[in-house]
Amino acid sequence: NRALNSVDLYYEVKMPEFFFLDHPLGSVLGRATYEDGFAFSQQCNVGGNHDVYPRLGSNVILFTGSKVLGNCSVGSNVLISANTLVMDIDIPDFSLVFGRPRDYVIKHVSESYIEDFLQFDL
């Protein structure tokens, strides 16, 4: 994957049946738990903090430069905006997240917002 797609996908990572790589240049995916509908863009990182790895629900999208690290439980139907760092925090279902630790903004969004954004039925 590193040679073909410029993404570092650790060999022990079990990817879901349905996932999407959107220009994954410079992305690193670690030993997290991923569910169907996972999508990520360039320079995204998912990894551990003191050997504790995140759990990502279904239909989670990481935008350019976002990072999910450590003891995180990211709910289903979550958008993590560009250059956001999610570390050792739980994110509820149907959320839009942006910011950094101590300055997080976690905004609840409706199911219709997610459906309109993705332009397909979940």
PDB file of N, CA and C in Angstrom:
ATOM      1  N   ASN A   1       0.807  -1.195   0.000  1.00  0.00           N
ATOM      2  CA  ASN A   1       0.000   0.000   0.000  1.00  0.00           C
ATOM      3  C   ASN A   1       0.851   1.259   0.000  1.00  0.00           C
ATOM      4  N   ARG A   2       1.972   1.217   0.702  1.00  0.00           N
ATOM      5  CA  ARG A   2       2.813   2.405   0.751  1.00  0.00           C
ATOM      6  C   ARG A   2       3.345   2.741  -0.634  1.00  0.00           C
ATOM      7  N   ALA A   3       3.732   1.740  -1.399  1.00  0.00           N
ATOM      8  CA  ALA A   3       4.268   1.989  -2.737  1.00  0.00           C
ATOM      9  C   ALA A   3       3.175   2.338  -3.744  1.00  0.00           C
ATOM     10  N   LEU A   4       2.044   1.646  -3.680  1.00  0.00           N
ATOM     11  CA  LEU A   4       0.974   1.870  -4.643  1.00  0.00           C
ATOM     12  C   LEU A   4       0.144   3.115  -4.359  1.00  0.00           C
ATOM     13  N   ASN A   5      -0.205   3.313  -3.089  1.00  0.00           N
ATOM     14  CA  ASN A   5      -1.169   4.353  -2.738  1.00  0.00           C
ATOM     15  C   ASN A   5      -0.607   5.452  -1.842  1.00  0.00           C
ATOM     16  N   SER A   6       0.656   5.357  -1.459  1.00  0.00           N
ATOM     17  CA  SER A   6       1.293   6.321  -0.557  1.00  0.00           C
ATOM     18  C   SER A   6       0.590   6.396   0.785  1.00  0.00           C
ATOM     19  N   VAL A   7       0.067   5.266   1.241  1.00  0.00           N
ATOM     20  CA  VAL A   7      -0.568   5.194   2.555  1.00  0.00           C
ATOM     21  C   VAL A   7       0.120   4.078   3.343  1.00  0.00           C
ATOM     22  N   ASP A   8       0.384   4.335   4.613  1.00  0.00           N
ATOM     23  CA  ASP A   8       1.001   3.334   5.476  1.00  0.00           C
ATOM     24  C   ASP A   8      -0.110   2.658   6.268  1.00  0.00           C
ATOM     25  N   LEU A   9      -0.480   1.474   5.823  1.00  0.00           N
ATOM     26  CA  LEU A   9      -1.558   0.706   6.435  1.00  0.00           C
ATOM     27  C   LEU A   9      -0.926  -0.504   7.097  1.00  0.00           C
ATOM     28  N   TYR A  10      -0.836  -0.476   8.415  1.00  0.00           N
ATOM     29  CA  TYR A  10      -0.159  -1.519   9.178  1.00  0.00           C
ATOM     30  C   TYR A  10      -0.732  -2.887   8.837  1.00  0.00           C
ATOM     31  N   TYR A  11       0.133  -3.863   8.663  1.00  0.00           N
ATOM     32  CA  TYR A  11      -0.301  -5.164   8.149  1.00  0.00           C
ATOM     33  C   TYR A  11      -1.273  -5.895   9.073  1.00  0.00           C
ATOM     34  N   GLU A  12      -1.300  -5.589  10.365  1.00  0.00           N
ATOM     35  CA  GLU A  12      -2.220  -6.254  11.279  1.00  0.00           C
ATOM     36  C   GLU A  12      -3.594  -5.580  11.335  1.00  0.00           C
ATOM     37  N   VAL A  13      -3.752  -4.471  10.632  1.00  0.00           N
ATOM     38  CA  VAL A  13      -5.015  -3.736  10.670  1.00  0.00           C
ATOM     39  C   VAL A  13      -6.067  -4.473   9.845  1.00  0.00           C
ATOM     40  N   LYS A  14      -7.210  -4.737  10.472  1.00  0.00           N
ATOM     41  CA  LYS A  14      -8.322  -5.369   9.768  1.00  0.00           C
ATOM     42  C   LYS A  14      -9.256  -4.254   9.307  1.00  0.00           C
ATOM     43  N   MET A  15      -9.225  -3.981   8.020  1.00  0.00           N
ATOM     44  CA  MET A  15     -10.086  -2.949   7.457  1.00  0.00           C
ATOM     45  C   MET A  15     -11.488  -3.515   7.241  1.00  0.00           C
ATOM     46  N   PRO A  16     -12.500  -2.646   7.298  1.00  0.00           N
ATOM     47  CA  PRO A  16     -13.865  -3.129   7.079  1.00  0.00           C
ATOM     48  C   PRO A  16     -14.082  -3.524   5.620  1.00  0.00           C
ATOM     49  N   GLU A  17     -15.187  -4.178   5.362  1.00  0.00           N
ATOM     50  CA  GLU A  17     -15.498  -4.601   4.000  1.00  0.00           C
ATOM     51  C   GLU A  17     -15.677  -3.404   3.063  1.00  0.00           C
ATOM     52  N   PHE A  18     -16.241  -2.331   3.585  1.00  0.00           N
ATOM     53  CA  PHE A  18     -16.507  -1.141   2.781  1.00  0.00           C
ATOM     54  C   PHE A  18     -15.779   0.059   3.387  1.00  0.00           C
ATOM     55  N   PHE A  19     -14.762   0.573   2.681  1.00  0.00           N
ATOM     56  CA  PHE A  19     -14.066   1.784   3.110  1.00  0.00           C
ATOM     57  C   PHE A  19     -13.604   2.541   1.880  1.00  0.00           C
ATOM     58  N   PHE A  20     -13.238   3.817   2.063  1.00  0.00           N
ATOM     59  CA  PHE A  20     -12.900   4.668   0.925  1.00  0.00           C
ATOM     60  C   PHE A  20     -11.633   5.467   1.217  1.00  0.00           C
ATOM     61  N   LEU A  21     -10.694   5.420   0.282  1.00  0.00           N
ATOM     62  CA  LEU A  21      -9.461   6.199   0.369  1.00  0.00           C
ATOM     63  C   LEU A  21      -9.572   7.340  -0.635  1.00  0.00           C
ATOM     64  N   ASP A  22      -9.600   8.561  -0.161  1.00  0.00           N
ATOM     65  CA  ASP A  22      -9.701   9.721  -1.038  1.00  0.00           C
ATOM     66  C   ASP A  22      -8.342  10.405  -1.098  1.00  0.00           C
ATOM     67  N   HIS A  23      -7.539  10.071  -2.096  1.00  0.00           N
ATOM     68  CA  HIS A  23      -6.198  10.649  -2.236  1.00  0.00           C
ATOM     69  C   HIS A  23      -5.434  10.519  -0.916  1.00  0.00           C
ATOM     70  N   PRO A  24      -5.069   9.297  -0.526  1.00  0.00           N
ATOM     71  CA  PRO A  24      -4.552   9.041   0.824  1.00  0.00           C
ATOM     72  C   PRO A  24      -3.077   9.383   1.044  1.00  0.00           C
ATOM     73  N   LEU A  25      -2.501  10.182   0.199  1.00  0.00           N
ATOM     74  CA  LEU A  25      -1.082  10.519   0.289  1.00  0.00           C
ATOM     75  C   LEU A  25      -0.676  10.925   1.706  1.00  0.00           C
ATOM     76  N   GLY A  26       0.286  10.228   2.261  1.00  0.00           N
ATOM     77  CA  GLY A  26       0.830  10.574   3.566  1.00  0.00           C
ATOM     78  C   GLY A  26       0.003  10.133   4.757  1.00  0.00           C
ATOM     79  N   SER A  27      -1.005   9.300   4.552  1.00  0.00           N
ATOM     80  CA  SER A  27      -1.838   8.836   5.666  1.00  0.00           C
ATOM     81  C   SER A  27      -1.227   7.606   6.316  1.00  0.00           C
ATOM     82  N   VAL A  28      -1.451   7.468   7.638  1.00  0.00           N
ATOM     83  CA  VAL A  28      -0.967   6.327   8.400  1.00  0.00           C
ATOM     84  C   VAL A  28      -2.141   5.792   9.212  1.00  0.00           C
ATOM     85  N   LEU A  29      -2.480   4.510   9.004  1.00  0.00           N
ATOM     86  CA  LEU A  29      -3.577   3.887   9.732  1.00  0.00           C
ATOM     87  C   LEU A  29      -3.021   2.796  10.632  1.00  0.00           C
ATOM     88  N   GLY A  30      -3.246   2.942  11.920  1.00  0.00           N
ATOM     89  CA  GLY A  30      -2.750   1.987  12.901  1.00  0.00           C
ATOM     90  C   GLY A  30      -3.779   0.955  13.283  1.00  0.00           C
ATOM     91  N   ARG A  31      -3.538   0.293  14.410  1.00  0.00           N
ATOM     92  CA  ARG A  31      -4.323  -0.862  14.841  1.00  0.00           C
ATOM     93  C   ARG A  31      -5.650  -0.514  15.500  1.00  0.00           C
ATOM     94  N   ALA A  32      -6.340   0.457  15.017  1.00  0.00           N
ATOM     95  CA  ALA A  32      -7.662   0.800  15.544  1.00  0.00           C
ATOM     96  C   ALA A  32      -8.692  -0.223  15.082  1.00  0.00           C
ATOM     97  N   THR A  33      -9.906  -0.087  15.587  1.00  0.00           N
ATOM     98  CA  THR A  33     -11.030  -0.889  15.135  1.00  0.00           C
ATOM     99  C   THR A  33     -11.867  -0.025  14.205  1.00  0.00           C
ATOM    100  N   TYR A  34     -12.074  -0.483  12.978  1.00  0.00           N
ATOM    101  CA  TYR A  34     -12.792   0.280  11.954  1.00  0.00           C
ATOM    102  C   TYR A  34     -14.065  -0.453  11.566  1.00  0.00           C
ATOM    103  N   GLU A  35     -15.133   0.298  11.347  1.00  0.00           N
ATOM    104  CA  GLU A  35     -16.388  -0.292  10.873  1.00  0.00           C
ATOM    105  C   GLU A  35     -16.685   0.209   9.468  1.00  0.00           C
ATOM    106  N   ASP A  36     -17.679  -0.413   8.811  1.00  0.00           N
ATOM    107  CA  ASP A  36     -18.033  -0.067   7.429  1.00  0.00           C
ATOM    108  C   ASP A  36     -18.322   1.417   7.253  1.00  0.00           C
ATOM    109  N   GLY A  37     -17.980   1.913   6.072  1.00  0.00           N
ATOM    110  CA  GLY A  37     -18.231   3.301   5.734  1.00  0.00           C
ATOM    111  C   GLY A  37     -17.113   4.236   6.145  1.00  0.00           C
ATOM    112  N   PHE A  38     -15.981   3.693   6.598  1.00  0.00           N
ATOM    113  CA  PHE A  38     -14.847   4.523   6.994  1.00  0.00           C
ATOM    114  C   PHE A  38     -14.232   5.153   5.754  1.00  0.00           C
ATOM    115  N   ALA A  39     -13.962   6.452   5.816  1.00  0.00           N
ATOM    116  CA  ALA A  39     -13.342   7.156   4.686  1.00  0.00           C
ATOM    117  C   ALA A  39     -12.311   8.130   5.232  1.00  0.00           C
ATOM    118  N   PHE A  40     -11.227   8.313   4.484  1.00  0.00           N
ATOM    119  CA  PHE A  40     -10.203   9.258   4.914  1.00  0.00           C
ATOM    120  C   PHE A  40      -9.518   9.876   3.715  1.00  0.00           C
ATOM    121  N   SER A  41      -8.880  10.996   3.954  1.00  0.00           N
ATOM    122  CA  SER A  41      -8.225  11.758   2.910  1.00  0.00           C
ATOM    123  C   SER A  41      -6.724  11.799   3.183  1.00  0.00           C
ATOM    124  N   GLN A  42      -6.036  12.734   2.583  1.00  0.00           N
ATOM    125  CA  GLN A  42      -4.579  12.803   2.719  1.00  0.00           C
ATOM    126  C   GLN A  42      -4.141  13.278   4.095  1.00  0.00           C
ATOM    127  N   GLN A  43      -2.975  12.810   4.503  1.00  0.00           N
ATOM    128  CA  GLN A  43      -2.302  13.168   5.745  1.00  0.00           C
ATOM    129  C   GLN A  43      -3.123  12.890   6.995  1.00  0.00           C
ATOM    130  N   CYS A  44      -3.963  11.874   6.964  1.00  0.00           N
ATOM    131  CA  CYS A  44      -4.734  11.477   8.139  1.00  0.00           C
ATOM    132  C   CYS A  44      -3.965  10.414   8.915  1.00  0.00           C
ATOM    133  N   ASN A  45      -4.118  10.426  10.216  1.00  0.00           N
ATOM    134  CA  ASN A  45      -3.453   9.446  11.069  1.00  0.00           C
ATOM    135  C   ASN A  45      -4.431   8.868  12.074  1.00  0.00           C
ATOM    136  N   VAL A  46      -4.368   7.561  12.244  1.00  0.00           N
ATOM    137  CA  VAL A  46      -5.116   6.865  13.285  1.00  0.00           C
ATOM    138  C   VAL A  46      -4.099   5.994  13.995  1.00  0.00           C
ATOM    139  N   GLY A  47      -3.964   6.179  15.311  1.00  0.00           N
ATOM    140  CA  GLY A  47      -2.935   5.424  15.999  1.00  0.00           C
ATOM    141  C   GLY A  47      -3.126   5.380  17.497  1.00  0.00           C
ATOM    142  N   GLY A  48      -2.193   4.735  18.151  1.00  0.00           N
ATOM    143  CA  GLY A  48      -2.282   4.504  19.583  1.00  0.00           C
ATOM    144  C   GLY A  48      -1.620   5.578  20.418  1.00  0.00           C
ATOM    145  N   ASN A  49      -1.976   5.552  21.686  1.00  0.00           N
ATOM    146  CA  ASN A  49      -1.356   6.379  22.707  1.00  0.00           C
ATOM    147  C   ASN A  49      -1.123   5.452  23.890  1.00  0.00           C
ATOM    148  N   HIS A  50       0.122   5.139  24.186  1.00  0.00           N
ATOM    149  CA  HIS A  50       0.481   4.185  25.240  1.00  0.00           C
ATOM    150  C   HIS A  50      -0.172   2.831  24.991  1.00  0.00           C
ATOM    151  N   ASP A  51      -0.110   2.362  23.753  1.00  0.00           N
ATOM    152  CA  ASP A  51      -0.642   1.066  23.324  1.00  0.00           C
ATOM    153  C   ASP A  51      -2.154   0.909  23.495  1.00  0.00           C
ATOM    154  N   VAL A  52      -2.883   2.010  23.496  1.00  0.00           N
ATOM    155  CA  VAL A  52      -4.348   1.987  23.494  1.00  0.00           C
ATOM    156  C   VAL A  52      -4.780   2.615  22.177  1.00  0.00           C
ATOM    157  N   TYR A  53      -5.666   1.913  21.446  1.00  0.00           N
ATOM    158  CA  TYR A  53      -6.028   2.325  20.096  1.00  0.00           C
ATOM    159  C   TYR A  53      -7.498   2.712  19.998  1.00  0.00           C
ATOM    160  N   PRO A  54      -7.836   3.597  19.061  1.00  0.00           N
ATOM    161  CA  PRO A  54      -9.224   4.062  18.917  1.00  0.00           C
ATOM    162  C   PRO A  54     -10.167   3.009  18.356  1.00  0.00           C
ATOM    163  N   ARG A  55     -11.461   3.258  18.565  1.00  0.00           N
ATOM    164  CA  ARG A  55     -12.542   2.456  18.001  1.00  0.00           C
ATOM    165  C   ARG A  55     -13.411   3.416  17.198  1.00  0.00           C
ATOM    166  N   LEU A  56     -13.548   3.158  15.900  1.00  0.00           N
ATOM    167  CA  LEU A  56     -14.316   4.036  15.024  1.00  0.00           C
ATOM    168  C   LEU A  56     -15.586   3.334  14.576  1.00  0.00           C
ATOM    169  N   GLY A  57     -16.715   4.014  14.713  1.00  0.00           N
ATOM    170  CA  GLY A  57     -18.011   3.466  14.319  1.00  0.00           C
ATOM    171  C   GLY A  57     -18.178   3.489  12.808  1.00  0.00           C
ATOM    172  N   SER A  58     -19.370   3.179  12.364  1.00  0.00           N
ATOM    173  CA  SER A  58     -19.639   3.159  10.929  1.00  0.00           C
ATOM    174  C   SER A  58     -19.848   4.574  10.402  1.00  0.00           C
ATOM    175  N   ASN A  59     -19.511   4.756   9.142  1.00  0.00           N
ATOM    176  CA  ASN A  59     -19.664   6.036   8.444  1.00  0.00           C
ATOM    177  C   ASN A  59     -18.913   7.172   9.127  1.00  0.00           C
ATOM    178  N   VAL A  60     -17.650   6.940   9.446  1.00  0.00           N
ATOM    179  CA  VAL A  60     -16.774   7.970   9.997  1.00  0.00           C
ATOM    180  C   VAL A  60     -15.903   8.488   8.865  1.00  0.00           C
ATOM    181  N   ILE A  61     -15.834   9.819   8.731  1.00  0.00           N
ATOM    182  CA  ILE A  61     -15.023  10.430   7.684  1.00  0.00           C
ATOM    183  C   ILE A  61     -13.972  11.325   8.324  1.00  0.00           C
ATOM    184  N   LEU A  62     -12.701  11.081   7.976  1.00  0.00           N
ATOM    185  CA  LEU A  62     -11.590  11.915   8.410  1.00  0.00           C
ATOM    186  C   LEU A  62     -11.185  12.801   7.238  1.00  0.00           C
ATOM    187  N   PHE A  63     -11.281  14.101   7.426  1.00  0.00           N
ATOM    188  CA  PHE A  63     -10.876  15.025   6.375  1.00  0.00           C
ATOM    189  C   PHE A  63      -9.379  15.319   6.481  1.00  0.00           C
ATOM    190  N   THR A  64      -8.830  15.964   5.482  1.00  0.00           N
ATOM    191  CA  THR A  64      -7.400  16.193   5.331  1.00  0.00           C
ATOM    192  C   THR A  64      -6.720  16.631   6.625  1.00  0.00           C
ATOM    193  N   GLY A  65      -5.672  15.900   6.984  1.00  0.00           N
ATOM    194  CA  GLY A  65      -4.844  16.269   8.123  1.00  0.00           C
ATOM    195  C   GLY A  65      -5.423  15.950   9.478  1.00  0.00           C
ATOM    196  N   SER A  66      -6.557  15.282   9.548  1.00  0.00           N
ATOM    197  CA  SER A  66      -7.138  14.965  10.858  1.00  0.00           C
ATOM    198  C   SER A  66      -6.459  13.745  11.461  1.00  0.00           C
ATOM    199  N   LYS A  67      -6.518  13.683  12.806  1.00  0.00           N
ATOM    200  CA  LYS A  67      -5.851  12.614  13.531  1.00  0.00           C
ATOM    201  C   LYS A  67      -6.758  12.101  14.637  1.00  0.00           C
ATOM    202  N   VAL A  68      -6.802  10.781  14.803  1.00  0.00           N
ATOM    203  CA  VAL A  68      -7.539  10.148  15.890  1.00  0.00           C
ATOM    204  C   VAL A  68      -6.541   9.248  16.606  1.00  0.00           C
ATOM    205  N   LEU A  69      -6.279   9.556  17.880  1.00  0.00           N
ATOM    206  CA  LEU A  69      -5.226   8.868  18.611  1.00  0.00           C
ATOM    207  C   LEU A  69      -5.693   8.424  19.988  1.00  0.00           C
ATOM    208  N   GLY A  70      -5.224   7.271  20.424  1.00  0.00           N
ATOM    209  CA  GLY A  70      -5.402   6.835  21.797  1.00  0.00           C
ATOM    210  C   GLY A  70      -6.752   6.257  22.129  1.00  0.00           C
ATOM    211  N   ASN A  71      -7.147   6.449  23.378  1.00  0.00           N
ATOM    212  CA  ASN A  71      -8.358   5.852  23.932  1.00  0.00           C
ATOM    213  C   ASN A  71      -9.579   6.651  23.507  1.00  0.00           C
ATOM    214  N   CYS A  72      -9.979   6.486  22.252  1.00  0.00           N
ATOM    215  CA  CYS A  72     -11.130   7.196  21.683  1.00  0.00           C
ATOM    216  C   CYS A  72     -12.178   6.186  21.253  1.00  0.00           C
ATOM    217  N   SER A  73     -13.410   6.581  21.438  1.00  0.00           N
ATOM    218  CA  SER A  73     -14.515   5.837  20.868  1.00  0.00           C
ATOM    219  C   SER A  73     -15.288   6.838  20.022  1.00  0.00           C
ATOM    220  N   VAL A  74     -15.157   6.711  18.711  1.00  0.00           N
ATOM    221  CA  VAL A  74     -15.824   7.622  17.787  1.00  0.00           C
ATOM    222  C   VAL A  74     -17.102   6.931  17.333  1.00  0.00           C
ATOM    223  N   GLY A  75     -18.231   7.588  17.556  1.00  0.00           N
ATOM    224  CA  GLY A  75     -19.528   7.010  17.220  1.00  0.00           C
ATOM    225  C   GLY A  75     -19.736   6.860  15.723  1.00  0.00           C
ATOM    226  N   SER A  76     -20.926   6.463  15.354  1.00  0.00           N
ATOM    227  CA  SER A  76     -21.282   6.304  13.950  1.00  0.00           C
ATOM    228  C   SER A  76     -21.761   7.628  13.374  1.00  0.00           C
ATOM    229  N   ASN A  77     -21.583   7.787  12.061  1.00  0.00           N
ATOM    230  CA  ASN A  77     -22.022   8.980  11.335  1.00  0.00           C
ATOM    231  C   ASN A  77     -21.361  10.240  11.888  1.00  0.00           C
ATOM    232  N   VAL A  78     -20.035  10.220  11.914  1.00  0.00           N
ATOM    233  CA  VAL A  78     -19.244  11.316  12.467  1.00  0.00           C
ATOM    234  C   VAL A  78     -18.335  11.885  11.391  1.00  0.00           C
ATOM    235  N   LEU A  79     -18.272  13.211  11.325  1.00  0.00           N
ATOM    236  CA  LEU A  79     -17.369  13.925  10.429  1.00  0.00           C
ATOM    237  C   LEU A  79     -16.295  14.582  11.288  1.00  0.00           C
ATOM    238  N   ILE A  80     -15.034  14.291  10.996  1.00  0.00           N
ATOM    239  CA  ILE A  80     -13.923  14.911  11.718  1.00  0.00           C
ATOM    240  C   ILE A  80     -13.242  15.855  10.748  1.00  0.00           C
ATOM    241  N   SER A  81     -13.351  17.148  11.025  1.00  0.00           N
ATOM    242  CA  SER A  81     -12.938  18.172  10.066  1.00  0.00           C
ATOM    243  C   SER A  81     -11.421  18.217   9.881  1.00  0.00           C
ATOM    244  N   ALA A  82     -11.012  18.958   8.876  1.00  0.00           N
ATOM    245  CA  ALA A  82      -9.600  19.066   8.503  1.00  0.00           C
ATOM    246  C   ALA A  82      -8.763  19.579   9.665  1.00  0.00           C
ATOM    247  N   ASN A  83      -7.593  18.969   9.832  1.00  0.00           N
ATOM    248  CA  ASN A  83      -6.595  19.355  10.832  1.00  0.00           C
ATOM    249  C   ASN A  83      -7.085  19.264  12.268  1.00  0.00           C
ATOM    250  N   THR A  84      -8.067  18.434  12.524  1.00  0.00           N
ATOM    251  CA  THR A  84      -8.573  18.211  13.881  1.00  0.00           C
ATOM    252  C   THR A  84      -7.789  17.082  14.535  1.00  0.00           C
ATOM    253  N   LEU A  85      -7.478  17.253  15.821  1.00  0.00           N
ATOM    254  CA  LEU A  85      -6.817  16.214  16.604  1.00  0.00           C
ATOM    255  C   LEU A  85      -7.797  15.712  17.650  1.00  0.00           C
ATOM    256  N   VAL A  86      -8.210  14.452  17.516  1.00  0.00           N
ATOM    257  CA  VAL A  86      -9.074  13.798  18.493  1.00  0.00           C
ATOM    258  C   VAL A  86      -8.193  12.833  19.266  1.00  0.00           C
ATOM    259  N   MET A  87      -8.028  13.097  20.578  1.00  0.00           N
ATOM    260  CA  MET A  87      -7.128  12.259  21.367  1.00  0.00           C
ATOM    261  C   MET A  87      -7.731  11.986  22.743  1.00  0.00           C
ATOM    262  N   ASP A  88      -7.893  10.701  23.052  1.00  0.00           N
ATOM    263  CA  ASP A  88      -8.379  10.263  24.361  1.00  0.00           C
ATOM    264  C   ASP A  88      -9.701  10.914  24.755  1.00  0.00           C
ATOM    265  N   ILE A  89     -10.655  10.943  23.825  1.00  0.00           N
ATOM    266  CA  ILE A  89     -11.979  11.502  24.072  1.00  0.00           C
ATOM    267  C   ILE A  89     -13.000  10.676  23.300  1.00  0.00           C
ATOM    268  N   ASP A  90     -14.210  10.588  23.826  1.00  0.00           N
ATOM    269  CA  ASP A  90     -15.287   9.882  23.138  1.00  0.00           C
ATOM    270  C   ASP A  90     -16.135  10.887  22.362  1.00  0.00           C
ATOM    271  N   ILE A  91     -16.483  10.511  21.146  1.00  0.00           N
ATOM    272  CA  ILE A  91     -17.291  11.351  20.267  1.00  0.00           C
ATOM    273  C   ILE A  91     -18.626  10.639  20.045  1.00  0.00           C
ATOM    274  N   PRO A  92     -19.758  11.313  20.325  1.00  0.00           N
ATOM    275  CA  PRO A  92     -21.066  10.655  20.156  1.00  0.00           C
ATOM    276  C   PRO A  92     -21.460  10.510  18.685  1.00  0.00           C
ATOM    277  N   ASP A  93     -22.456   9.667  18.441  1.00  0.00           N
ATOM    278  CA  ASP A  93     -23.017   9.501  17.101  1.00  0.00           C
ATOM    279  C   ASP A  93     -23.524  10.840  16.567  1.00  0.00           C
ATOM    280  N   PHE A  94     -23.566  10.943  15.242  1.00  0.00           N
ATOM    281  CA  PHE A  94     -24.099  12.120  14.541  1.00  0.00           C
ATOM    282  C   PHE A  94     -23.450  13.414  15.035  1.00  0.00           C
ATOM    283  N   SER A  95     -22.116  13.467  14.892  1.00  0.00           N
ATOM    284  CA  SER A  95     -21.370  14.641  15.338  1.00  0.00           C
ATOM    285  C   SER A  95     -20.486  15.181  14.238  1.00  0.00           C
ATOM    286  N   LEU A  96     -20.243  16.468  14.313  1.00  0.00           N
ATOM    287  CA  LEU A  96     -19.232  17.161  13.520  1.00  0.00           C
ATOM    288  C   LEU A  96     -18.221  17.674  14.524  1.00  0.00           C
ATOM    289  N   VAL A  97     -16.944  17.296  14.353  1.00  0.00           N
ATOM    290  CA  VAL A  97     -15.912  17.612  15.333  1.00  0.00           C
ATOM    291  C   VAL A  97     -14.843  18.473  14.684  1.00  0.00           C
ATOM    292  N   PHE A  98     -14.429  19.519  15.391  1.00  0.00           N
ATOM    293  CA  PHE A  98     -13.253  20.266  14.954  1.00  0.00           C
ATOM    294  C   PHE A  98     -12.556  20.867  16.141  1.00  0.00           C
ATOM    295  N   GLY A  99     -11.265  21.141  15.981  1.00  0.00           N
ATOM    296  CA  GLY A  99     -10.465  21.716  17.052  1.00  0.00           C
ATOM    297  C   GLY A  99      -9.364  20.798  17.520  1.00  0.00           C
ATOM    298  N   ARG A 100      -8.850  21.138  18.682  1.00  0.00           N
ATOM    299  CA  ARG A 100      -7.744  20.422  19.317  1.00  0.00           C
ATOM    300  C   ARG A 100      -8.110  20.176  20.783  1.00  0.00           C
ATOM    301  N   PRO A 101      -7.351  19.326  21.484  1.00  0.00           N
ATOM    302  CA  PRO A 101      -7.647  19.112  22.904  1.00  0.00           C
ATOM    303  C   PRO A 101      -7.775  20.442  23.650  1.00  0.00           C
ATOM    304  N   ARG A 102      -8.711  20.491  24.573  1.00  0.00           N
ATOM    305  CA  ARG A 102      -9.094  21.657  25.373  1.00  0.00           C
ATOM    306  C   ARG A 102      -9.881  22.694  24.589  1.00  0.00           C
ATOM    307  N   ASP A 103      -9.900  22.612  23.266  1.00  0.00           N
ATOM    308  CA  ASP A 103     -10.653  23.561  22.449  1.00  0.00           C
ATOM    309  C   ASP A 103     -11.592  22.855  21.476  1.00  0.00           C
ATOM    310  N   TYR A 104     -12.013  21.635  21.804  1.00  0.00           N
ATOM    311  CA  TYR A 104     -12.891  20.891  20.910  1.00  0.00           C
ATOM    312  C   TYR A 104     -14.220  21.598  20.721  1.00  0.00           C
ATOM    313  N   VAL A 105     -14.742  21.490  19.522  1.00  0.00           N
ATOM    314  CA  VAL A 105     -16.126  21.839  19.254  1.00  0.00           C
ATOM    315  C   VAL A 105     -16.758  20.575  18.692  1.00  0.00           C
ATOM    316  N   ILE A 106     -17.727  20.060  19.427  1.00  0.00           N
ATOM    317  CA  ILE A 106     -18.434  18.855  19.007  1.00  0.00           C
ATOM    318  C   ILE A 106     -19.889  19.261  18.813  1.00  0.00           C
ATOM    319  N   LYS A 107     -20.296  19.288  17.566  1.00  0.00           N
ATOM    320  CA  LYS A 107     -21.626  19.768  17.214  1.00  0.00           C
ATOM    321  C   LYS A 107     -22.480  18.585  16.789  1.00  0.00           C
ATOM    322  N   HIS A 108     -23.650  18.455  17.405  1.00  0.00           N
ATOM    323  CA  HIS A 108     -24.584  17.405  17.007  1.00  0.00           C
ATOM    324  C   HIS A 108     -25.215  17.792  15.667  1.00  0.00           C
ATOM    325  N   VAL A 109     -25.267  16.849  14.753  1.00  0.00           N
ATOM    326  CA  VAL A 109     -25.899  17.087  13.454  1.00  0.00           C
ATOM    327  C   VAL A 109     -27.005  16.060  13.255  1.00  0.00           C
ATOM    328  N   SER A 110     -27.967  16.424  12.453  1.00  0.00           N
ATOM    329  CA  SER A 110     -29.101  15.525  12.216  1.00  0.00           C
ATOM    330  C   SER A 110     -28.724  14.427  11.213  1.00  0.00           C
ATOM    331  N   GLU A 111     -29.534  13.396  11.207  1.00  0.00           N
ATOM    332  CA  GLU A 111     -29.325  12.314  10.244  1.00  0.00           C
ATOM    333  C   GLU A 111     -29.460  12.842   8.822  1.00  0.00           C
ATOM    334  N   SER A 112     -30.387  13.770   8.611  1.00  0.00           N
ATOM    335  CA  SER A 112     -30.568  14.323   7.266  1.00  0.00           C
ATOM    336  C   SER A 112     -29.349  15.126   6.824  1.00  0.00           C
ATOM    337  N   TYR A 113     -28.666  15.778   7.770  1.00  0.00           N
ATOM    338  CA  TYR A 113     -27.436  16.509   7.433  1.00  0.00           C
ATOM    339  C   TYR A 113     -26.374  15.546   6.920  1.00  0.00           C
ATOM    340  N   ILE A 114     -26.206  14.444   7.614  1.00  0.00           N
ATOM    341  CA  ILE A 114     -25.223  13.434   7.194  1.00  0.00           C
ATOM    342  C   ILE A 114     -25.620  12.867   5.836  1.00  0.00           C
ATOM    343  N   GLU A 115     -26.891  12.522   5.656  1.00  0.00           N
ATOM    344  CA  GLU A 115     -27.349  11.968   4.383  1.00  0.00           C
ATOM    345  C   GLU A 115     -27.146  12.955   3.245  1.00  0.00           C
ATOM    346  N   ASP A 116     -27.483  14.226   3.477  1.00  0.00           N
ATOM    347  CA  ASP A 116     -27.282  15.251   2.444  1.00  0.00           C
ATOM    348  C   ASP A 116     -25.810  15.428   2.138  1.00  0.00           C
ATOM    349  N   PHE A 117     -24.996  15.386   3.170  1.00  0.00           N
ATOM    350  CA  PHE A 117     -23.557  15.572   2.983  1.00  0.00           C
ATOM    351  C   PHE A 117     -22.962  14.434   2.164  1.00  0.00           C
ATOM    352  N   LEU A 118     -23.332  13.232   2.488  1.00  0.00           N
ATOM    353  CA  LEU A 118     -22.773  12.061   1.805  1.00  0.00           C
ATOM    354  C   LEU A 118     -23.464  11.783   0.472  1.00  0.00           C
ATOM    355  N   GLN A 119     -24.654  12.291   0.294  1.00  0.00           N
ATOM    356  CA  GLN A 119     -25.448  12.138  -0.921  1.00  0.00           C
ATOM    357  C   GLN A 119     -25.739  10.689  -1.270  1.00  0.00           C
ATOM    358  N   PHE A 120     -25.897   9.890  -0.238  1.00  0.00           N
ATOM    359  CA  PHE A 120     -26.402   8.536  -0.434  1.00  0.00           C
ATOM    360  C   PHE A 120     -27.020   8.068   0.883  1.00  0.00           C
ATOM    361  N   ASP A 121     -27.875   7.069   0.810  1.00  0.00           N
ATOM    362  CA  ASP A 121     -28.548   6.558   2.009  1.00  0.00           C
ATOM    363  C   ASP A 121     -27.578   5.778   2.860  1.00  0.00           C
ATOM    364  N   LEU A 122     -27.663   5.995   4.168  1.00  0.00           N
ATOM    365  CA  LEU A 122     -26.787   5.281   5.094  1.00  0.00           C
ATOM    366  C   LEU A 122     -27.347   3.923   5.440  1.00  0.00           C
TER     367      LEU A 122
END
